[in-house]
PDB file of N, CA and C in Angstrom:
ATOM      1  N   MET A   1     131.569 192.866-108.203  1.00  0.00           N
ATOM      2  CA  MET A   1     133.172 192.538-108.364  1.00  0.00           C
ATOM      3  C   MET A   1     134.635 192.998-107.800  1.00  0.00           C
ATOM      4  N   ARG A   2     135.375 191.795-107.525  1.00  0.00           N
ATOM      5  CA  ARG A   2     136.460 192.142-106.678  1.00  0.00           C
ATOM      6  C   ARG A   2     137.342 192.881-107.828  1.00  0.00           C
ATOM      7  N   VAL A   3     138.007 193.634-106.842  1.00  0.00           N
ATOM      8  CA  VAL A   3     139.174 194.550-107.879  1.00  0.00           C
ATOM      9  C   VAL A   3     140.425 193.844-107.517  1.00  0.00           C
ATOM     10  N   LYS A   4     141.280 193.816-108.156  1.00  0.00           N
ATOM     11  CA  LYS A   4     142.766 193.609-107.558  1.00  0.00           C
ATOM     12  C   LYS A   4     143.356 194.504-107.795  1.00  0.00           C
ATOM     13  N   ARG A   5     143.635 195.659-108.431  1.00  0.00           N
ATOM     14  CA  ARG A   5     144.707 196.579-108.787  1.00  0.00           C
ATOM     15  C   ARG A   5     146.170 195.665-108.864  1.00  0.00           C
ATOM     16  N   GLY A   6     145.951 194.717-109.464  1.00  0.00           N
ATOM     17  CA  GLY A   6     147.459 194.427-109.922  1.00  0.00           C
ATOM     18  C   GLY A   6     148.766 195.457-110.282  1.00  0.00           C
ATOM     19  N   ILE A   7     148.659 195.954-111.523  1.00  0.00           N
ATOM     20  CA  ILE A   7     149.683 196.779-112.491  1.00  0.00           C
ATOM     21  C   ILE A   7     149.531 197.943-111.390  1.00  0.00           C
ATOM     22  N   VAL A   8     148.083 198.647-110.646  1.00  0.00           N
ATOM     23  CA  VAL A   8     148.319 199.805-109.996  1.00  0.00           C
ATOM     24  C   VAL A   8     149.112 199.789-108.957  1.00  0.00           C
ATOM     25  N   ARG A   9     148.583 198.828-108.206  1.00  0.00           N
ATOM     26  CA  ARG A   9     149.405 198.657-106.635  1.00  0.00           C
ATOM     27  C   ARG A   9     150.918 198.807-106.670  1.00  0.00           C
ATOM     28  N   HIS A  10     151.412 197.887-108.212  1.00  0.00           N
ATOM     29  CA  HIS A  10     152.525 197.235-108.215  1.00  0.00           C
ATOM     30  C   HIS A  10     153.808 198.541-108.422  1.00  0.00           C
ATOM     31  N   ARG A  11     153.282 199.568-109.296  1.00  0.00           N
ATOM     32  CA  ARG A  11     153.375 200.790-109.727  1.00  0.00           C
ATOM     33  C   ARG A  11     153.706 201.566-108.197  1.00  0.00           C
ATOM     34  N   ARG A  12     152.654 201.616-107.594  1.00  0.00           N
ATOM     35  CA  ARG A  12     152.817 202.489-106.126  1.00  0.00           C
ATOM     36  C   ARG A  12     153.513 202.233-105.393  1.00  0.00           C
ATOM     37  N   HIS A  13     153.314 200.687-105.083  1.00  0.00           N
ATOM     38  CA  HIS A  13     154.738 200.515-104.226  1.00  0.00           C
ATOM     39  C   HIS A  13     156.115 200.123-105.037  1.00  0.00           C
ATOM     40  N   LYS A  14     156.668 200.055-106.113  1.00  0.00           N
ATOM     41  CA  LYS A  14     157.383 200.236-106.812  1.00  0.00           C
ATOM     42  C   LYS A  14     158.279 201.826-106.775  1.00  0.00           C
ATOM     43  N   LYS A  15     157.144 202.580-106.494  1.00  0.00           N
ATOM     44  CA  LYS A  15     158.168 204.270-106.514  1.00  0.00           C
ATOM     45  C   LYS A  15     158.057 204.488-105.474  1.00  0.00           C
ATOM     46  N   ILE A  16     157.554 204.261-104.060  1.00  0.00           N
ATOM     47  CA  ILE A  16     157.584 204.492-102.763  1.00  0.00           C
ATOM     48  C   ILE A  16     159.251 203.688-102.163  1.00  0.00           C
ATOM     49  N   ARG A  17     158.997 202.327-103.016  1.00  0.00           N
ATOM     50  CA  ARG A  17     160.656 201.850-102.682  1.00  0.00           C
ATOM     51  C   ARG A  17     161.627 202.266-103.263  1.00  0.00           C
ATOM     52  N   LYS A  18     161.449 202.742-104.451  1.00  0.00           N
ATOM     53  CA  LYS A  18     162.727 203.537-105.393  1.00  0.00           C
ATOM     54  C   LYS A  18     163.088 204.685-104.038  1.00  0.00           C
ATOM     55  N   LEU A  19     162.324 205.242-104.046  1.00  0.00           N
ATOM     56  CA  LEU A  19     162.637 206.343-102.480  1.00  0.00           C
ATOM     57  C   LEU A  19     163.327 206.352-101.695  1.00  0.00           C
ATOM     58  N   ALA A  20     162.758 204.620-101.415  1.00  0.00           N
ATOM     59  CA  ALA A  20     163.515 204.199 -99.991  1.00  0.00           C
ATOM     60  C   ALA A  20     165.073 203.382-100.303  1.00  0.00           C
ATOM     61  N   LYS A  21     165.283 203.603-101.470  1.00  0.00           N
ATOM     62  CA  LYS A  21     166.542 203.022-101.592  1.00  0.00           C
ATOM     63  C   LYS A  21     167.574 203.136-101.221  1.00  0.00           C
ATOM     64  N   GLY A  22     168.361 202.349-100.781  1.00  0.00           N
ATOM     65  CA  GLY A  22     169.658 202.698 -99.266  1.00  0.00           C
ATOM     66  C   GLY A  22     169.279 202.797 -98.046  1.00  0.00           C
ATOM     67  N   TYR A  23     167.936 202.353 -98.141  1.00  0.00           N
ATOM     68  CA  TYR A  23     167.700 202.542 -96.469  1.00  0.00           C
ATOM     69  C   TYR A  23     167.986 200.995 -95.900  1.00  0.00           C
ATOM     70  N   GLU A  24     168.286 201.047 -94.655  1.00  0.00           N
ATOM     71  CA  GLU A  24     168.562 200.086 -93.405  1.00  0.00           C
ATOM     72  C   GLU A  24     167.327 199.025 -93.686  1.00  0.00           C
ATOM     73  N   GLY A  25     167.961 197.644 -93.374  1.00  0.00           N
ATOM     74  CA  GLY A  25     166.118 196.519 -92.861  1.00  0.00           C
ATOM     75  C   GLY A  25     165.721 196.401 -94.058  1.00  0.00           C
ATOM     76  N   GLY A  26     164.222 196.305 -93.041  1.00  0.00           N
ATOM     77  CA  GLY A  26     163.220 196.247 -93.824  1.00  0.00           C
ATOM     78  C   GLY A  26     162.323 197.472 -94.795  1.00  0.00           C
ATOM     79  N   ARG A  27     163.191 198.605 -94.193  1.00  0.00           N
ATOM     80  CA  ARG A  27     162.778 199.927 -94.420  1.00  0.00           C
ATOM     81  C   ARG A  27     162.984 200.294 -95.863  1.00  0.00           C
ATOM     82  N   HIS A  28     164.012 199.545 -96.837  1.00  0.00           N
ATOM     83  CA  HIS A  28     163.674 199.518 -98.423  1.00  0.00           C
ATOM     84  C   HIS A  28     163.190 198.627 -98.680  1.00  0.00           C
ATOM     85  N   ALA A  29     162.278 197.523 -98.711  1.00  0.00           N
ATOM     86  CA  ALA A  29     161.759 196.359 -99.016  1.00  0.00           C
ATOM     87  C   ALA A  29     160.334 196.283 -98.625  1.00  0.00           C
ATOM     88  N   THR A  30     160.089 196.466 -97.334  1.00  0.00           N
ATOM     89  CA  THR A  30     158.673 196.198 -97.404  1.00  0.00           C
ATOM     90  C   THR A  30     157.884 198.075 -97.224  1.00  0.00           C
ATOM     91  N   PHE A  31     156.984 197.423 -98.278  1.00  0.00           N
ATOM     92  CA  PHE A  31     156.072 198.754 -98.205  1.00  0.00           C
ATOM     93  C   PHE A  31     155.320 199.543 -97.495  1.00  0.00           C
ATOM     94  N   ALA A  32     155.258 198.949 -96.216  1.00  0.00           N
ATOM     95  CA  ALA A  32     154.588 199.530 -95.464  1.00  0.00           C
ATOM     96  C   ALA A  32     155.738 200.585 -94.509  1.00  0.00           C
ATOM     97  N   LYS A  33     156.818 199.981 -94.433  1.00  0.00           N
ATOM     98  CA  LYS A  33     157.558 200.156 -93.518  1.00  0.00           C
ATOM     99  C   LYS A  33     158.594 201.476 -94.601  1.00  0.00           C
ATOM    100  N   ALA A  34     158.522 201.195 -95.733  1.00  0.00           N
ATOM    101  CA  ALA A  34     159.148 201.970 -96.703  1.00  0.00           C
ATOM    102  C   ALA A  34     158.533 203.143 -96.730  1.00  0.00           C
ATOM    103  N   LYS A  35     157.128 203.246 -96.268  1.00  0.00           N
ATOM    104  CA  LYS A  35     156.271 204.675 -96.597  1.00  0.00           C
ATOM    105  C   LYS A  35     156.533 205.389 -95.558  1.00  0.00           C
ATOM    106  N   GLU A  36     156.543 205.043 -94.110  1.00  0.00           N
ATOM    107  CA  GLU A  36     156.661 205.368 -93.525  1.00  0.00           C
ATOM    108  C   GLU A  36     158.515 206.305 -93.686  1.00  0.00           C
ATOM    109  N   ALA A  37     159.138 205.415 -93.843  1.00  0.00           N
ATOM    110  CA  ALA A  37     160.680 205.476 -94.055  1.00  0.00           C
ATOM    111  C   ALA A  37     160.634 207.253 -94.665  1.00  0.00           C
ATOM    112  N   VAL A  38     159.514 206.980 -96.034  1.00  0.00           N
ATOM    113  CA  VAL A  38     159.762 207.828 -96.981  1.00  0.00           C
ATOM    114  C   VAL A  38     159.295 209.371 -96.558  1.00  0.00           C
ATOM    115  N   ILE A  39     158.231 209.111 -95.789  1.00  0.00           N
ATOM    116  CA  ILE A  39     157.392 210.347 -95.712  1.00  0.00           C
ATOM    117  C   ILE A  39     158.311 211.061 -94.305  1.00  0.00           C
ATOM    118  N   LYS A  40     158.755 210.104 -93.256  1.00  0.00           N
ATOM    119  CA  LYS A  40     159.710 211.222 -92.458  1.00  0.00           C
ATOM    120  C   LYS A  40     160.866 211.947 -92.898  1.00  0.00           C
ATOM    121  N   ALA A  41     161.370 211.069 -93.878  1.00  0.00           N
ATOM    122  CA  ALA A  41     162.784 211.220 -94.726  1.00  0.00           C
ATOM    123  C   ALA A  41     161.908 213.083 -95.171  1.00  0.00           C
ATOM    124  N   GLY A  42     160.831 213.076 -96.230  1.00  0.00           N
ATOM    125  CA  GLY A  42     160.643 214.139 -96.563  1.00  0.00           C
ATOM    126  C   GLY A  42     160.336 215.303 -95.550  1.00  0.00           C
ATOM    127  N   GLN A  43     160.028 214.792 -94.267  1.00  0.00           N
ATOM    128  CA  GLN A  43     160.018 215.725 -93.473  1.00  0.00           C
ATOM    129  C   GLN A  43     160.612 216.278 -92.571  1.00  0.00           C
ATOM    130  N   HIS A  44     161.803 215.549 -92.366  1.00  0.00           N
ATOM    131  CA  HIS A  44     163.361 216.078 -91.706  1.00  0.00           C
ATOM    132  C   HIS A  44     163.828 216.641 -93.305  1.00  0.00           C
ATOM    133  N   ALA A  45     164.147 216.562 -94.467  1.00  0.00           N
ATOM    134  CA  ALA A  45     164.550 217.303 -95.456  1.00  0.00           C
ATOM    135  C   ALA A  45     164.174 218.968 -95.735  1.00  0.00           C
ATOM    136  N   TYR A  46     162.338 218.916 -95.256  1.00  0.00           N
ATOM    137  CA  TYR A  46     161.792 220.151 -95.714  1.00  0.00           C
ATOM    138  C   TYR A  46     161.969 220.954 -94.243  1.00  0.00           C
ATOM    139  N   ARG A  47     162.273 220.112 -93.135  1.00  0.00           N
ATOM    140  CA  ARG A  47     162.318 221.193 -91.847  1.00  0.00           C
ATOM    141  C   ARG A  47     163.865 221.402 -92.238  1.00  0.00           C
ATOM    142  N   ASP A  48     164.890 220.937 -92.838  1.00  0.00           N
ATOM    143  CA  ASP A  48     166.227 221.247 -92.840  1.00  0.00           C
ATOM    144  C   ASP A  48     167.176 221.999 -93.565  1.00  0.00           C
ATOM    145  N   ARG A  49     165.986 222.335 -95.065  1.00  0.00           N
ATOM    146  CA  ARG A  49     166.136 223.244 -95.736  1.00  0.00           C
ATOM    147  C   ARG A  49     166.032 224.195 -95.006  1.00  0.00           C
ATOM    148  N   LYS A  50     165.019 224.631 -94.079  1.00  0.00           N
ATOM    149  CA  LYS A  50     165.043 226.377 -93.785  1.00  0.00           C
ATOM    150  C   LYS A  50     166.178 226.359 -92.438  1.00  0.00           C
ATOM    151  N   LYS A  51     166.461 225.653 -91.700  1.00  0.00           N
ATOM    152  CA  LYS A  51     167.439 224.745 -90.802  1.00  0.00           C
ATOM    153  C   LYS A  51     168.799 225.406 -91.884  1.00  0.00           C
ATOM    154  N   LYS A  52     169.033 224.919 -92.932  1.00  0.00           N
ATOM    155  CA  LYS A  52     170.078 225.033 -93.198  1.00  0.00           C
ATOM    156  C   LYS A  52     170.590 226.773 -93.454  1.00  0.00           C
ATOM    157  N   LYS A  53     169.782 227.553 -94.433  1.00  0.00           N
ATOM    158  CA  LYS A  53     169.474 228.822 -94.348  1.00  0.00           C
ATOM    159  C   LYS A  53     170.316 229.752 -92.546  1.00  0.00           C
ATOM    160  N   ARG A  54     169.574 228.914 -91.708  1.00  0.00           N
ATOM    161  CA  ARG A  54     169.944 229.819 -90.320  1.00  0.00           C
ATOM    162  C   ARG A  54     171.478 229.534 -90.055  1.00  0.00           C
ATOM    163  N   ASN A  55     171.971 228.127 -90.350  1.00  0.00           N
ATOM    164  CA  ASN A  55     172.907 227.595 -89.872  1.00  0.00           C
ATOM    165  C   ASN A  55     174.029 228.372 -90.852  1.00  0.00           C
ATOM    166  N   PHE A  56     173.946 228.540 -91.900  1.00  0.00           N
ATOM    167  CA  PHE A  56     175.057 229.458 -93.161  1.00  0.00           C
ATOM    168  C   PHE A  56     175.131 230.620 -92.130  1.00  0.00           C
ATOM    169  N   ARG A  57     173.877 231.343 -92.072  1.00  0.00           N
ATOM    170  CA  ARG A  57     173.654 232.614 -91.174  1.00  0.00           C
ATOM    171  C   ARG A  57     174.723 232.431 -90.343  1.00  0.00           C
ATOM    172  N   SER A  58     174.467 231.609 -89.156  1.00  0.00           N
ATOM    173  CA  SER A  58     175.325 231.591 -87.985  1.00  0.00           C
ATOM    174  C   SER A  58     176.605 231.768 -88.485  1.00  0.00           C
ATOM    175  N   LEU A  59     176.865 230.882 -89.219  1.00  0.00           N
ATOM    176  CA  LEU A  59     178.574 230.589 -89.082  1.00  0.00           C
ATOM    177  C   LEU A  59     179.153 231.831 -89.969  1.00  0.00           C
ATOM    178  N   TRP A  60     178.511 232.755 -90.792  1.00  0.00           N
ATOM    179  CA  TRP A  60     179.291 233.865 -91.343  1.00  0.00           C
ATOM    180  C   TRP A  60     179.022 234.785 -90.227  1.00  0.00           C
ATOM    181  N   ILE A  61     178.541 235.166 -89.530  1.00  0.00           N
ATOM    182  CA  ILE A  61     178.539 235.802 -88.557  1.00  0.00           C
ATOM    183  C   ILE A  61     180.023 235.553 -87.602  1.00  0.00           C
ATOM    184  N   VAL A  62     179.768 234.193 -87.485  1.00  0.00           N
ATOM    185  CA  VAL A  62     181.359 234.009 -86.288  1.00  0.00           C
ATOM    186  C   VAL A  62     181.937 234.347 -87.430  1.00  0.00           C
ATOM    187  N   ARG A  63     182.035 233.749 -88.698  1.00  0.00           N
ATOM    188  CA  ARG A  63     183.689 234.432 -89.592  1.00  0.00           C
ATOM    189  C   ARG A  63     184.017 235.502 -89.118  1.00  0.00           C
ATOM    190  N   LEU A  64     182.600 236.309 -89.355  1.00  0.00           N
ATOM    191  CA  LEU A  64     183.117 237.648 -89.521  1.00  0.00           C
ATOM    192  C   LEU A  64     183.751 238.494 -88.347  1.00  0.00           C
ATOM    193  N   ASN A  65     183.074 238.073 -87.304  1.00  0.00           N
ATOM    194  CA  ASN A  65     183.534 238.453 -85.700  1.00  0.00           C
ATOM    195  C   ASN A  65     184.694 238.223 -85.462  1.00  0.00           C
ATOM    196  N   ALA A  66     185.316 237.030 -85.942  1.00  0.00           N
ATOM    197  CA  ALA A  66     186.572 237.093 -85.635  1.00  0.00           C
ATOM    198  C   ALA A  66     187.659 237.603 -86.434  1.00  0.00           C
ATOM    199  N   ALA A  67     187.470 237.607 -88.150  1.00  0.00           N
ATOM    200  CA  ALA A  67     188.204 238.959 -89.004  1.00  0.00           C
ATOM    201  C   ALA A  67     188.085 239.660 -88.716  1.00  0.00           C
ATOM    202  N   ILE A  68     186.798 240.254 -87.714  1.00  0.00           N
ATOM    203  CA  ILE A  68     187.011 241.984 -87.148  1.00  0.00           C
ATOM    204  C   ILE A  68     187.129 242.034 -86.423  1.00  0.00           C
ATOM    205  N   ARG A  69     187.029 241.177 -85.329  1.00  0.00           N
ATOM    206  CA  ARG A  69     187.811 241.142 -84.123  1.00  0.00           C
ATOM    207  C   ARG A  69     189.679 241.768 -84.564  1.00  0.00           C
ATOM    208  N   ASP A  70     190.064 241.013 -85.273  1.00  0.00           N
ATOM    209  CA  ASP A  70     191.531 240.970 -85.837  1.00  0.00           C
ATOM    210  C   ASP A  70     191.907 242.365 -86.224  1.00  0.00           C
ATOM    211  N   THR A  71     190.964 242.860 -86.747  1.00  0.00           N
ATOM    212  CA  THR A  71     190.987 244.181 -86.680  1.00  0.00           C
ATOM    213  C   THR A  71     191.177 245.376 -85.854  1.00  0.00           C
ATOM    214  N   GLY A  72     190.353 244.883 -84.216  1.00  0.00           N
ATOM    215  CA  GLY A  72     190.560 245.542 -83.308  1.00  0.00           C
ATOM    216  C   GLY A  72     189.083 246.116 -83.296  1.00  0.00           C
ATOM    217  N   SER A  73     188.204 245.608 -84.235  1.00  0.00           N
ATOM    218  CA  SER A  73     187.090 246.040 -83.720  1.00  0.00           C
ATOM    219  C   SER A  73     186.150 245.151 -83.528  1.00  0.00           C
ATOM    220  N   LYS A  74     184.636 245.766 -83.564  1.00  0.00           N
ATOM    221  CA  LYS A  74     183.954 244.350 -82.358  1.00  0.00           C
ATOM    222  C   LYS A  74     182.646 244.278 -84.086  1.00  0.00           C
ATOM    223  N   TYR A  75     182.476 243.114 -84.006  1.00  0.00           N
ATOM    224  CA  TYR A  75     181.336 242.662 -84.936  1.00  0.00           C
ATOM    225  C   TYR A  75     179.864 243.551 -85.209  1.00  0.00           C
ATOM    226  N   SER A  76     179.072 243.877 -83.879  1.00  0.00           N
ATOM    227  CA  SER A  76     178.100 244.561 -83.667  1.00  0.00           C
ATOM    228  C   SER A  76     177.941 245.983 -83.764  1.00  0.00           C
ATOM    229  N   ILE A  77     179.666 246.353 -83.635  1.00  0.00           N
ATOM    230  CA  ILE A  77     179.790 247.588 -84.040  1.00  0.00           C
ATOM    231  C   ILE A  77     180.365 248.274 -85.418  1.00  0.00           C
ATOM    232  N   PHE A  78     180.650 247.099 -85.978  1.00  0.00           N
ATOM    233  CA  PHE A  78     180.621 247.421 -87.307  1.00  0.00           C
ATOM    234  C   PHE A  78     179.476 246.832 -88.030  1.00  0.00           C
ATOM    235  N   ILE A  79     178.671 245.980 -88.033  1.00  0.00           N
ATOM    236  CA  ILE A  79     177.655 245.436 -88.810  1.00  0.00           C
ATOM    237  C   ILE A  79     176.736 247.343 -88.732  1.00  0.00           C
ATOM    238  N   ASP A  80     176.626 247.839 -87.162  1.00  0.00           N
ATOM    239  CA  ASP A  80     175.656 248.997 -87.003  1.00  0.00           C
ATOM    240  C   ASP A  80     176.425 250.106 -88.122  1.00  0.00           C
ATOM    241  N   GLN A  81     177.479 250.414 -88.051  1.00  0.00           N
ATOM    242  CA  GLN A  81     177.984 251.098 -89.087  1.00  0.00           C
ATOM    243  C   GLN A  81     177.704 251.031 -90.527  1.00  0.00           C
ATOM    244  N   LEU A  82     177.835 249.598 -90.903  1.00  0.00           N
ATOM    245  CA  LEU A  82     177.374 249.127 -92.148  1.00  0.00           C
ATOM    246  C   LEU A  82     176.102 249.946 -92.471  1.00  0.00           C
ATOM    247  N   LYS A  83     175.217 249.647 -91.773  1.00  0.00           N
ATOM    248  CA  LYS A  83     173.977 250.122 -91.994  1.00  0.00           C
ATOM    249  C   LYS A  83     173.756 251.501 -91.812  1.00  0.00           C
ATOM    250  N   LYS A  84     174.043 252.238 -90.982  1.00  0.00           N
ATOM    251  CA  LYS A  84     174.390 253.473 -91.246  1.00  0.00           C
ATOM    252  C   LYS A  84     174.548 254.732 -91.989  1.00  0.00           C
ATOM    253  N   GLN A  85     175.760 253.886 -92.889  1.00  0.00           N
ATOM    254  CA  GLN A  85     176.339 254.282 -93.990  1.00  0.00           C
ATOM    255  C   GLN A  85     175.749 253.781 -95.335  1.00  0.00           C
ATOM    256  N   GLY A  86     174.852 253.028 -95.103  1.00  0.00           N
ATOM    257  CA  GLY A  86     173.987 252.417 -96.392  1.00  0.00           C
ATOM    258  C   GLY A  86     174.817 251.801 -97.147  1.00  0.00           C
ATOM    259  N   VAL A  87     176.256 250.711 -96.740  1.00  0.00           N
ATOM    260  CA  VAL A  87     176.883 250.114 -97.043  1.00  0.00           C
ATOM    261  C   VAL A  87     175.975 248.527 -97.681  1.00  0.00           C
ATOM    262  N   ALA A  88     176.185 248.037 -98.996  1.00  0.00           N
ATOM    263  CA  ALA A  88     174.996 247.184 -99.133  1.00  0.00           C
ATOM    264  C   ALA A  88     175.663 245.882 -99.716  1.00  0.00           C
ATOM    265  N   LEU A  89     176.383 245.607 -98.563  1.00  0.00           N
ATOM    266  CA  LEU A  89     177.349 244.516 -98.368  1.00  0.00           C
ATOM    267  C   LEU A  89     176.645 243.214 -97.102  1.00  0.00           C
ATOM    268  N   ASP A  90     176.072 242.171 -97.835  1.00  0.00           N
ATOM    269  CA  ASP A  90     175.752 241.348 -96.793  1.00  0.00           C
ATOM    270  C   ASP A  90     176.797 240.479 -96.291  1.00  0.00           C
ATOM    271  N   ARG A  91     176.279 239.672 -95.334  1.00  0.00           N
ATOM    272  CA  ARG A  91     177.004 238.946 -94.518  1.00  0.00           C
ATOM    273  C   ARG A  91     177.418 237.518 -95.057  1.00  0.00           C
ATOM    274  N   LYS A  92     177.093 236.823 -95.789  1.00  0.00           N
ATOM    275  CA  LYS A  92     177.772 236.228 -96.995  1.00  0.00           C
ATOM    276  C   LYS A  92     178.679 236.616 -97.557  1.00  0.00           C
ATOM    277  N   THR A  93     178.948 237.775 -97.903  1.00  0.00           N
ATOM    278  CA  THR A  93     179.577 238.380 -99.023  1.00  0.00           C
ATOM    279  C   THR A  93     180.873 238.992 -98.379  1.00  0.00           C
ATOM    280  N   LEU A  94     180.611 239.709 -96.859  1.00  0.00           N
ATOM    281  CA  LEU A  94     181.663 239.855 -96.100  1.00  0.00           C
ATOM    282  C   LEU A  94     182.346 239.165 -95.785  1.00  0.00           C
ATOM    283  N   SER A  95     181.742 237.831 -95.691  1.00  0.00           N
ATOM    284  CA  SER A  95     182.419 236.720 -94.838  1.00  0.00           C
ATOM    285  C   SER A  95     183.830 236.172 -95.954  1.00  0.00           C
ATOM    286  N   GLU A  96     182.923 235.899 -97.140  1.00  0.00           N
ATOM    287  CA  GLU A  96     183.664 236.058 -97.946  1.00  0.00           C
ATOM    288  C   GLU A  96     184.981 236.227 -98.680  1.00  0.00           C
ATOM    289  N   LEU A  97     184.700 237.404 -98.345  1.00  0.00           N
ATOM    290  CA  LEU A  97     185.819 238.871 -98.676  1.00  0.00           C
ATOM    291  C   LEU A  97     187.036 238.242 -97.464  1.00  0.00           C
ATOM    292  N   ALA A  98     186.499 238.348 -96.244  1.00  0.00           N
ATOM    293  CA  ALA A  98     187.264 237.723 -94.609  1.00  0.00           C
ATOM    294  C   ALA A  98     188.231 236.604 -95.444  1.00  0.00           C
ATOM    295  N   ILE A  99     187.481 236.195 -95.918  1.00  0.00           N
ATOM    296  CA  ILE A  99     187.741 234.841 -95.970  1.00  0.00           C
ATOM    297  C   ILE A  99     189.277 234.365 -97.269  1.00  0.00           C
ATOM    298  N   ARG A 100     189.167 235.394 -98.806  1.00  0.00           N
ATOM    299  CA  ARG A 100     189.349 234.928 -99.732  1.00  0.00           C
ATOM    300  C   ARG A 100     190.523 236.430-100.198  1.00  0.00           C
ATOM    301  N   GLU A 101     189.619 237.468 -99.220  1.00  0.00           N
ATOM    302  CA  GLU A 101     191.000 238.425-100.075  1.00  0.00           C
ATOM    303  C   GLU A 101     191.016 239.718 -98.111  1.00  0.00           C
ATOM    304  N   PRO A 102     191.852 238.870 -97.143  1.00  0.00           N
ATOM    305  CA  PRO A 102     191.348 239.392 -96.488  1.00  0.00           C
ATOM    306  C   PRO A 102     192.040 240.863 -96.181  1.00  0.00           C
ATOM    307  N   GLU A 103     193.192 241.595 -97.234  1.00  0.00           N
ATOM    308  CA  GLU A 103     193.439 242.986 -97.479  1.00  0.00           C
ATOM    309  C   GLU A 103     192.275 243.466 -98.007  1.00  0.00           C
ATOM    310  N   VAL A 104     191.756 243.361 -98.760  1.00  0.00           N
ATOM    311  CA  VAL A 104     190.187 244.057 -99.285  1.00  0.00           C
ATOM    312  C   VAL A 104     189.261 244.288 -98.120  1.00  0.00           C
ATOM    313  N   PHE A 105     188.900 243.243 -97.401  1.00  0.00           N
ATOM    314  CA  PHE A 105     187.892 243.347 -96.154  1.00  0.00           C
ATOM    315  C   PHE A 105     188.597 244.536 -95.129  1.00  0.00           C
ATOM    316  N   ALA A 106     189.738 244.347 -94.812  1.00  0.00           N
ATOM    317  CA  ALA A 106     190.806 245.118 -93.961  1.00  0.00           C
ATOM    318  C   ALA A 106     190.525 246.545 -94.353  1.00  0.00           C
ATOM    319  N   LYS A 107     190.774 246.489 -95.703  1.00  0.00           N
ATOM    320  CA  LYS A 107     190.297 248.129 -96.167  1.00  0.00           C
ATOM    321  C   LYS A 107     188.510 248.546 -95.975  1.00  0.00           C
ATOM    322  N   ILE A 108     187.980 247.885 -95.980  1.00  0.00           N
ATOM    323  CA  ILE A 108     186.265 247.918 -95.496  1.00  0.00           C
ATOM    324  C   ILE A 108     186.057 248.055 -94.413  1.00  0.00           C
ATOM    325  N   VAL A 109     186.538 247.572 -93.515  1.00  0.00           N
ATOM    326  CA  VAL A 109     186.515 247.562 -92.256  1.00  0.00           C
ATOM    327  C   VAL A 109     186.996 248.991 -91.232  1.00  0.00           C
ATOM    328  N   LYS A 110     188.367 249.857 -92.039  1.00  0.00           N
ATOM    329  CA  LYS A 110     188.847 250.660 -91.999  1.00  0.00           C
ATOM    330  C   LYS A 110     187.881 251.825 -92.361  1.00  0.00           C
ATOM    331  N   GLU A 111     187.529 251.738 -93.001  1.00  0.00           N
ATOM    332  CA  GLU A 111     186.963 252.497 -94.001  1.00  0.00           C
ATOM    333  C   GLU A 111     185.679 253.046 -93.043  1.00  0.00           C
ATOM    334  N   VAL A 112     184.771 251.655 -92.783  1.00  0.00           N
ATOM    335  CA  VAL A 112     183.966 251.941 -92.397  1.00  0.00           C
ATOM    336  C   VAL A 112     183.693 252.379 -90.657  1.00  0.00           C
ATOM    337  N   THR A 113     184.918 251.600 -90.045  1.00  0.00           N
ATOM    338  CA  THR A 113     184.666 252.350 -88.805  1.00  0.00           C
ATOM    339  C   THR A 113     185.098 253.768 -88.224  1.00  0.00           C
ATOM    340  N   SER A 114     186.502 253.841 -89.316  1.00  0.00           N
ATOM    341  CA  SER A 114     186.997 255.211 -89.269  1.00  0.00           C
ATOM    342  C   SER A 114     185.675 256.631 -89.122  1.00  0.00           C
ATOM    343  N   LYS A 115     184.662 256.514 -89.568  1.00  0.00           N
ATOM    344  CA  LYS A 115     183.457 257.262 -89.716  1.00  0.00           C
ATOM    345  C   LYS A 115     182.958 257.737 -89.070  1.00  0.00           C
TER     346      LYS A 115
END
């Protein structure tokens, strides 16, 4: 007997095309091209979720370095002193403090670097 897969194939193709919604050209309409595009998009999304964490960490470090240099110190020395004194503030928190509460951040830098 011959299997035509009417509704099963239709649903599977529809699911892929829905994921490819908004893609250019035949990549949103043609099943074969849409499937390739969706798979590739998933690979990029997976990879870039990891990359996003790296990018934000480097952004926080750049911001911190700029803010710490305004107080007359250096980033590497500041981080070393933080670790030696056991201060449990991470780079994200320090970066936010430097932007939103500069006077509080300046006090933290002064306290850490003076000891």
